[in-house]
């Protein structure tokens, strides 16, 4: 692989061929330009303005995709090849990652802190913990609903109830979202508590069996059917959080009911 630093001690030049059409501008071409300019290259930017030009360019150079980047007399290749050429990391789309989960729970934690401060004037309160779980449930449900078919299919890999009754995989995100909204509002605990307990208990048992008993290596459907999050601790924690929230709300509701009885004449 050529070294971009050896092209010239004072001047580095590159040529980019990318699609710039009235109905389509290649995003990877724009990213390639950005990378080259940040690396200190003077870029000669060639636009492929029609499909015919693009096809002719591909045939001439024997390539299947654009953009194509040239540094000196060397064809570097496409966007990912350019990243490697510049010594930058290239993400593997199939690699497992906890980044979506970290981002999700970080965002919902900040939302809970902000909501608690807005309502009570204090950042950390009991409501902060309750809202964190409720917000997390709603956001997780929304991610699943982005592609319900994909989620339901991935869910079938490990959920015990969905394997016996396929429609449950399609109903799950709606139940999770409904329970989360009701828990945030504190309304209808007689509905939110049983729903959360039901789906979370089945989920926890299913994950524990698949990962810790059967020792299967699966992807978690918890953040949607297209995620690369490994099934295991994260999904189990999600379900245990729901169980804890449901139990807490049930105890709180029971306490309120007892207090109300004691205040009766």
Protein backbone atom coordinates (compact mmCIF):
# COMPACT_ATOMS: atom_id res chain seq x y z
CA UNK A 1 0.00 0.00 0.00
CA UNK A 2 1.47 3.39 -0.93
CA UNK A 3 2.32 5.87 1.77
CA UNK A 4 0.40 9.16 1.31
CA UNK A 5 3.17 10.98 3.12
CA UNK A 6 5.79 10.03 0.46
CA UNK A 7 4.09 11.65 -2.52
CA UNK A 8 5.80 15.01 -2.08
CA UNK A 9 7.48 16.69 0.86
CA UNK A 10 5.59 19.94 0.17
CA UNK A 11 2.58 19.19 -2.03
CA UNK A 12 0.13 16.31 -2.02
CA UNK A 13 -2.41 15.99 -4.81
CA UNK A 14 -5.28 13.63 -5.45
CA UNK A 15 -7.92 13.09 -8.11
CA UNK A 16 -11.48 12.07 -7.31
CA UNK A 17 -14.06 10.76 -9.75
CA UNK A 18 -17.56 10.82 -8.25
CA UNK A 19 -21.20 10.87 -9.29
CA UNK A 20 -22.77 14.33 -9.28
CA UNK A 21 -26.07 14.06 -11.12
CA UNK A 22 -29.20 16.24 -11.06
CA UNK A 23 -31.04 13.54 -9.10
CA UNK A 24 -28.16 11.98 -7.18
CA UNK A 25 -24.95 13.17 -5.53
CA UNK A 26 -22.86 10.31 -4.18
CA UNK A 27 -22.46 10.76 -0.40
CA UNK A 28 -19.29 8.69 -0.32
CA UNK A 29 -17.76 11.02 -2.89
CA UNK A 30 -18.43 13.97 -0.59
CA UNK A 31 -16.92 12.07 2.33
CA UNK A 32 -13.86 11.20 0.24
CA UNK A 33 -13.32 14.87 -0.62
CA UNK A 34 -13.57 15.78 3.06
CA UNK A 35 -11.03 13.12 4.07
CA UNK A 36 -8.52 14.18 1.44
CA UNK A 37 -8.78 17.88 2.27
CA UNK A 38 -8.40 17.19 5.98
CA UNK A 39 -5.29 15.15 5.17
CA UNK A 40 -3.78 18.14 3.35
CA UNK A 41 -4.36 17.05 -0.26
CA UNK A 42 -5.07 19.37 -3.16
CA UNK A 43 -7.99 17.65 -4.84
CA UNK A 44 -8.89 17.60 -8.52
CA UNK A 45 -12.62 16.88 -8.41
CA UNK A 46 -14.13 15.19 -11.51
CA UNK A 47 -17.92 14.89 -11.73
CA UNK A 48 -19.61 11.98 -13.45
CA UNK A 49 -22.78 13.83 -14.46
CA UNK A 50 -24.71 11.07 -16.25
CA UNK A 51 -25.25 7.33 -15.93
CA UNK A 52 -23.51 6.89 -19.30
CA UNK A 53 -20.39 8.71 -18.06
CA UNK A 54 -20.39 6.66 -14.89
CA UNK A 55 -20.72 3.35 -16.74
CA UNK A 56 -18.00 4.32 -19.20
CA UNK A 57 -15.66 5.30 -16.36
CA UNK A 58 -16.26 1.98 -14.57
CA UNK A 59 -15.63 0.00 -17.75
CA UNK A 60 -12.43 1.93 -18.54
CA UNK A 61 -10.90 1.38 -15.11
CA UNK A 62 -12.40 -2.04 -14.42
CA UNK A 63 -14.17 -0.98 -11.24
CA UNK A 64 -17.65 -1.70 -9.95
CA UNK A 65 -18.28 1.37 -7.82
CA UNK A 66 -17.62 5.06 -7.49
CA UNK A 67 -16.12 7.24 -6.15
CA UNK A 68 -12.64 6.31 -7.22
CA UNK A 69 -9.62 8.10 -5.80
CA UNK A 70 -6.20 8.42 -7.40
CA UNK A 71 -3.08 9.67 -5.62
CA UNK A 72 -0.25 10.30 -8.02
CA UNK A 73 -0.21 7.41 -10.48
CA UNK A 74 -1.81 5.04 -7.99
CA UNK A 75 -5.51 4.19 -7.92
CA UNK A 76 -6.36 4.03 -4.23
CA UNK A 77 -9.93 2.82 -4.75
CA UNK A 78 -13.19 3.82 -3.13
CA UNK A 79 -14.09 5.55 0.11
CA UNK A 80 -13.21 2.64 2.41
CA UNK A 81 -9.96 2.06 0.52
CA UNK A 82 -9.13 5.73 1.02
CA UNK A 83 -9.69 5.43 4.76
CA UNK A 84 -7.25 2.51 4.87
CA UNK A 85 -4.79 4.46 2.70
CA UNK A 86 -4.89 7.32 5.19
CA UNK A 87 -4.47 4.97 8.14
CA UNK A 88 -8.02 5.38 9.41
CA UNK A 89 -10.30 2.69 10.80
CA UNK A 90 -12.92 1.14 8.53
CA UNK A 91 -16.04 0.03 10.33
CA UNK A 92 -17.19 -3.55 9.77
CA UNK A 93 -20.99 -3.44 9.22
CA UNK A 94 -21.26 -7.01 10.55
CA UNK A 95 -19.20 -6.47 13.67
CA UNK A 96 -20.96 -6.63 17.02
CA UNK A 97 -21.18 -3.35 18.90
CA UNK A 98 -22.70 -1.99 22.10
CA UNK A 99 -22.62 1.58 20.76
CA UNK A 100 -26.39 1.77 19.96
CA UNK A 101 -27.25 0.64 23.50
CA UNK A 102 -24.77 3.03 25.11
CA UNK A 103 -26.16 5.92 23.07
CA UNK A 104 -29.76 4.98 23.87
CA UNK A 105 -29.37 4.65 27.62
CA UNK A 106 -27.18 7.76 27.80
CA UNK A 107 -29.87 9.77 26.01
CA UNK A 108 -32.74 8.44 28.13
CA UNK A 109 -30.76 9.03 31.32
CA UNK A 110 -30.19 12.66 30.30
CA UNK A 111 -33.88 12.98 29.41
CA UNK A 112 -34.86 11.67 32.84
CA UNK A 113 -32.47 14.07 34.59
CA UNK A 114 -33.80 16.97 32.54
CA UNK A 115 -37.45 16.05 33.18
CA UNK A 116 -36.83 15.68 36.91
CA UNK A 117 -35.16 19.09 37.06
CA UNK A 118 -37.98 20.70 35.06
CA UNK A 119 -40.67 19.29 37.33
CA UNK A 120 -39.05 19.26 40.78
CA UNK A 121 -36.09 21.62 40.51
CA UNK A 122 -33.76 18.74 41.47
CA UNK A 123 -31.74 16.70 39.01
CA UNK A 124 -31.57 13.42 40.92
CA UNK A 125 -34.86 12.27 42.45
CA UNK A 126 -36.87 9.09 42.67
CA UNK A 127 -38.72 10.29 39.56
CA UNK A 128 -35.39 10.34 37.70
CA UNK A 129 -35.02 6.57 38.08
CA UNK A 130 -38.67 5.92 37.23
CA UNK A 131 -38.56 8.13 34.13
CA UNK A 132 -35.24 6.68 33.01
CA UNK A 133 -36.81 3.23 32.80
CA UNK A 134 -40.02 4.56 31.24
CA UNK A 135 -38.19 6.64 28.63
CA UNK A 136 -35.91 3.69 27.83
CA UNK A 137 -38.90 1.42 27.26
CA UNK A 138 -40.53 3.91 24.90
CA UNK A 139 -37.37 4.53 22.88
CA UNK A 140 -36.63 0.79 22.67
CA UNK A 141 -40.17 0.22 21.41
CA UNK A 142 -39.75 2.92 18.75
CA UNK A 143 -36.52 1.33 17.52
CA UNK A 144 -38.28 -2.02 17.19
CA UNK A 145 -41.18 -0.41 15.33
CA UNK A 146 -38.84 1.12 12.72
CA UNK A 147 -38.84 -2.27 11.03
CA UNK A 148 -41.39 -4.45 12.77
CA UNK A 149 -40.96 -7.37 10.39
CA UNK A 150 -37.21 -7.48 10.89
CA UNK A 151 -37.58 -7.25 14.68
CA UNK A 152 -40.20 -9.99 14.83
CA UNK A 153 -38.01 -12.29 12.75
CA UNK A 154 -34.92 -11.75 14.92
CA UNK A 155 -37.08 -12.09 18.06
CA UNK A 156 -38.03 -15.61 16.98
CA UNK A 157 -34.41 -16.68 17.42
CA UNK A 158 -34.74 -16.77 21.19
CA UNK A 159 -38.09 -15.62 22.62
CA UNK A 160 -39.94 -18.64 24.02
CA UNK A 161 -43.47 -17.27 23.65
CA UNK A 162 -42.93 -15.88 20.14
CA UNK A 163 -41.76 -19.33 19.03
CA UNK A 164 -45.05 -20.81 20.20
CA UNK A 165 -47.24 -17.92 19.04
CA UNK A 166 -45.67 -15.88 16.22
CA UNK A 167 -47.98 -12.81 16.52
CA UNK A 168 -46.46 -12.10 19.95
CA UNK A 169 -43.31 -10.85 18.22
CA UNK A 170 -45.39 -8.23 16.41
CA UNK A 171 -47.32 -7.23 19.53
CA UNK A 172 -44.29 -6.94 21.82
CA UNK A 173 -43.09 -3.44 20.79
CA UNK A 174 -46.59 -2.02 21.16
CA UNK A 175 -46.95 -3.55 24.62
CA UNK A 176 -43.51 -2.27 25.66
CA UNK A 177 -44.24 1.24 24.38
CA UNK A 178 -47.67 1.35 26.02
CA UNK A 179 -46.30 0.19 29.37
CA UNK A 180 -43.49 2.75 29.15
CA UNK A 181 -45.84 5.66 28.43
CA UNK A 182 -48.19 4.67 31.25
CA UNK A 183 -45.27 4.30 33.67
CA UNK A 184 -43.95 7.75 32.77
CA UNK A 185 -47.36 9.27 33.43
CA UNK A 186 -48.10 7.14 36.48
CA UNK A 187 -51.51 6.39 34.97
CA UNK A 188 -53.40 3.09 34.93
CA UNK A 189 -50.94 1.00 36.98
CA UNK A 190 -53.49 -1.83 36.90
CA UNK A 191 -52.65 -2.08 33.16
CA UNK A 192 -48.99 -1.02 32.92
CA UNK A 193 -47.77 -3.24 35.77
CA UNK A 194 -49.17 -6.57 34.48
CA UNK A 195 -48.10 -5.80 30.90
CA UNK A 196 -44.54 -4.90 31.92
CA UNK A 197 -44.25 -7.89 34.25
CA UNK A 198 -45.56 -10.26 31.59
CA UNK A 199 -43.32 -9.24 28.71
CA UNK A 200 -40.25 -8.65 30.88
CA UNK A 201 -40.48 -11.98 32.72
CA UNK A 202 -40.85 -13.95 29.50
CA UNK A 203 -38.01 -11.92 27.98
CA UNK A 204 -35.67 -12.47 30.91
CA UNK A 205 -36.31 -16.22 30.97
CA UNK A 206 -35.88 -16.46 27.19
CA UNK A 207 -32.57 -14.58 27.17
CA UNK A 208 -31.20 -16.47 30.16
CA UNK A 209 -32.04 -19.81 28.56
CA UNK A 210 -30.63 -18.91 25.13
CA UNK A 211 -27.38 -17.34 26.36
CA UNK A 212 -26.51 -18.88 29.71
CA UNK A 213 -28.04 -22.36 29.42
CA UNK A 214 -28.01 -23.17 25.69
CA UNK A 215 -24.81 -21.09 25.18
CA UNK A 216 -26.04 -19.69 21.86
CA UNK A 217 -24.37 -16.69 20.24
CA UNK A 218 -27.18 -14.51 18.91
CA UNK A 219 -27.86 -10.89 18.09
CA UNK A 220 -30.22 -8.99 20.35
CA UNK A 221 -33.46 -7.65 18.89
CA UNK A 222 -33.75 -5.18 21.78
CA UNK A 223 -32.75 -2.15 19.69
CA UNK A 224 -34.40 -3.31 16.47
CA UNK A 225 -34.03 -6.10 13.99
CA UNK A 226 -31.02 -4.64 12.16
CA UNK A 227 -28.76 -4.22 15.18
CA UNK A 228 -25.45 -5.98 15.82
CA UNK A 229 -25.77 -5.89 19.60
CA UNK A 230 -24.93 -9.31 21.11
CA UNK A 231 -27.74 -11.03 22.98
CA UNK A 232 -26.93 -11.35 26.64
CA UNK A 233 -26.33 -8.92 29.45
CA UNK A 234 -27.92 -5.90 27.77
CA UNK A 235 -31.20 -7.59 26.89
CA UNK A 236 -31.36 -9.31 30.26
CA UNK A 237 -30.78 -5.97 31.99
CA UNK A 238 -33.55 -4.37 29.90
CA UNK A 239 -36.00 -7.00 31.07
CA UNK A 240 -34.87 -6.88 34.70
CA UNK A 241 -35.29 -3.09 34.67
CA UNK A 242 -38.86 -3.48 33.47
CA UNK A 243 -39.56 -6.08 36.15
CA UNK A 244 -38.09 -3.82 38.86
CA UNK A 245 -40.14 -0.86 37.64
CA UNK A 246 -43.34 -2.91 37.53
CA UNK A 247 -42.78 -4.30 41.03
CA UNK A 248 -41.99 -0.81 42.36
CA UNK A 249 -45.16 0.65 40.82
CA UNK A 250 -47.23 -2.25 42.15
CA UNK A 251 -45.89 -1.67 45.66
CA UNK A 252 -46.46 2.07 45.33
CA UNK A 253 -50.02 1.52 44.16
CA UNK A 254 -50.64 -0.91 47.01
CA UNK A 255 -49.24 1.61 49.49
CA UNK A 256 -51.52 4.34 48.21
CA UNK A 257 -54.50 2.02 48.43
CA UNK A 258 -53.64 1.11 52.04
CA UNK A 259 -53.19 4.77 52.95
CA UNK A 260 -56.55 5.60 51.42
CA UNK A 261 -58.26 2.86 53.45
CA UNK A 262 -56.65 4.11 56.66
CA UNK A 263 -57.92 7.63 56.07
CA UNK A 264 -61.53 6.51 55.71
CA UNK A 265 -63.78 7.53 58.61
